[in-house]
């Protein structure tokens, strides 16, 4: 799933997706630290940006639901 309309997710699906994205970001960061090379760095940067964008979208939806 990527950049799905967060309003269609249930509250538990939203929380699960947020946890998955946070773990993905952690893993990408660890992989980036373990590897070197321009191609790896560019690919990791793109993956990190995509995961971060989706996480931000889902966190905003979660805050909206919580009335913050």
C-alpha atoms as a PDB file:
ATOM      1  CA  UNK A   1       0.000   0.000   0.000  1.00  0.00           C
ATOM      2  CA  UNK A   2       1.344   3.414  -0.793  1.00  0.00           C
ATOM      3  CA  UNK A   3      -0.162   6.863  -0.419  1.00  0.00           C
ATOM      4  CA  UNK A   4      -3.629   5.419  -0.062  1.00  0.00           C
ATOM      5  CA  UNK A   5      -6.447   7.746   0.900  1.00  0.00           C
ATOM      6  CA  UNK A   6      -6.129   7.444   4.688  1.00  0.00           C
ATOM      7  CA  UNK A   7      -9.788   8.271   5.249  1.00  0.00           C
ATOM      8  CA  UNK A   8     -10.759   4.822   3.942  1.00  0.00           C
ATOM      9  CA  UNK A   9      -8.679   3.036   6.598  1.00  0.00           C
ATOM     10  CA  UNK A  10     -10.169   1.944   9.883  1.00  0.00           C
ATOM     11  CA  UNK A  11      -8.560   3.325  13.022  1.00  0.00           C
ATOM     12  CA  UNK A  12      -6.751   0.040  13.653  1.00  0.00           C
ATOM     13  CA  UNK A  13      -5.595  -0.193  10.024  1.00  0.00           C
ATOM     14  CA  UNK A  14      -4.312   3.359  10.274  1.00  0.00           C
ATOM     15  CA  UNK A  15      -2.352   2.574  13.444  1.00  0.00           C
ATOM     16  CA  UNK A  16      -0.971  -0.614  11.879  1.00  0.00           C
ATOM     17  CA  UNK A  17       0.129   1.220   8.738  1.00  0.00           C
ATOM     18  CA  UNK A  18       1.834   3.934  10.816  1.00  0.00           C
ATOM     19  CA  UNK A  19       3.756   1.258  12.742  1.00  0.00           C
ATOM     20  CA  UNK A  20       4.773  -0.465   9.501  1.00  0.00           C
ATOM     21  CA  UNK A  21       5.989   2.786   7.961  1.00  0.00           C
ATOM     22  CA  UNK A  22       8.004   3.681  11.058  1.00  0.00           C
ATOM     23  CA  UNK A  23       9.651   0.250  10.922  1.00  0.00           C
ATOM     24  CA  UNK A  24      10.302   0.612   7.187  1.00  0.00           C
ATOM     25  CA  UNK A  25      11.960   3.978   7.763  1.00  0.00           C
ATOM     26  CA  UNK A  26      14.119   2.482  10.507  1.00  0.00           C
ATOM     27  CA  UNK A  27      15.160  -0.389   8.245  1.00  0.00           C
ATOM     28  CA  UNK A  28      15.955   1.902   5.306  1.00  0.00           C
ATOM     29  CA  UNK A  29      18.069   4.070   7.589  1.00  0.00           C
ATOM     30  CA  UNK A  30      19.961   1.033   8.878  1.00  0.00           C
ATOM     31  CA  UNK A  31      20.505  -0.253   5.330  1.00  0.00           C
ATOM     32  CA  UNK A  32      21.779   3.134   4.211  1.00  0.00           C
ATOM     33  CA  UNK A  33      24.307   3.168   7.041  1.00  0.00           C
ATOM     34  CA  UNK A  34      25.537  -0.318   6.105  1.00  0.00           C
ATOM     35  CA  UNK A  35      25.911   0.328   2.377  1.00  0.00           C
ATOM     36  CA  UNK A  36      27.781   2.819   0.324  1.00  0.00           C
ATOM     37  CA  UNK A  37      27.660   3.893  -3.281  1.00  0.00           C
ATOM     38  CA  UNK A  38      25.780   6.547  -5.193  1.00  0.00           C
ATOM     39  CA  UNK A  39      23.162   4.161  -6.612  1.00  0.00           C
ATOM     40  CA  UNK A  40      22.363   2.711  -3.170  1.00  0.00           C
ATOM     41  CA  UNK A  41      22.205   6.158  -1.604  1.00  0.00           C
ATOM     42  CA  UNK A  42      19.866   7.488  -4.279  1.00  0.00           C
ATOM     43  CA  UNK A  43      17.568   4.454  -4.080  1.00  0.00           C
ATOM     44  CA  UNK A  44      17.473   4.627  -0.272  1.00  0.00           C
ATOM     45  CA  UNK A  45      16.801   8.375  -0.372  1.00  0.00           C
ATOM     46  CA  UNK A  46      13.869   7.825  -2.741  1.00  0.00           C
ATOM     47  CA  UNK A  47      12.442   5.008  -0.602  1.00  0.00           C
ATOM     48  CA  UNK A  48      12.902   7.048   2.565  1.00  0.00           C
ATOM     49  CA  UNK A  49      11.171  10.081   1.028  1.00  0.00           C
ATOM     50  CA  UNK A  50       8.210   7.984  -0.144  1.00  0.00           C
ATOM     51  CA  UNK A  51       7.807   6.250   3.218  1.00  0.00           C
ATOM     52  CA  UNK A  52       8.143   9.564   5.086  1.00  0.00           C
ATOM     53  CA  UNK A  53       5.540  11.244   2.874  1.00  0.00           C
ATOM     54  CA  UNK A  54       3.067   8.440   3.462  1.00  0.00           C
ATOM     55  CA  UNK A  55       3.770   8.447   7.216  1.00  0.00           C
ATOM     56  CA  UNK A  56       3.137  12.192   7.362  1.00  0.00           C
ATOM     57  CA  UNK A  57      -0.176  11.765   5.524  1.00  0.00           C
ATOM     58  CA  UNK A  58      -1.308   9.015   7.890  1.00  0.00           C
ATOM     59  CA  UNK A  59      -0.232  10.898  11.008  1.00  0.00           C
ATOM     60  CA  UNK A  60      -2.252  13.923   9.874  1.00  0.00           C
ATOM     61  CA  UNK A  61      -5.308  11.697   9.431  1.00  0.00           C
ATOM     62  CA  UNK A  62      -4.746  10.161  12.857  1.00  0.00           C
ATOM     63  CA  UNK A  63      -4.524  13.631  14.427  1.00  0.00           C
ATOM     64  CA  UNK A  64      -7.679  14.706  12.592  1.00  0.00           C
ATOM     65  CA  UNK A  65      -9.539  11.706  13.987  1.00  0.00           C
ATOM     66  CA  UNK A  66      -8.328  12.457  17.483  1.00  0.00           C
ATOM     67  CA  UNK A  67      -9.512  16.039  17.135  1.00  0.00           C
ATOM     68  CA  UNK A  68      -6.087  17.592  17.513  1.00  0.00           C
END
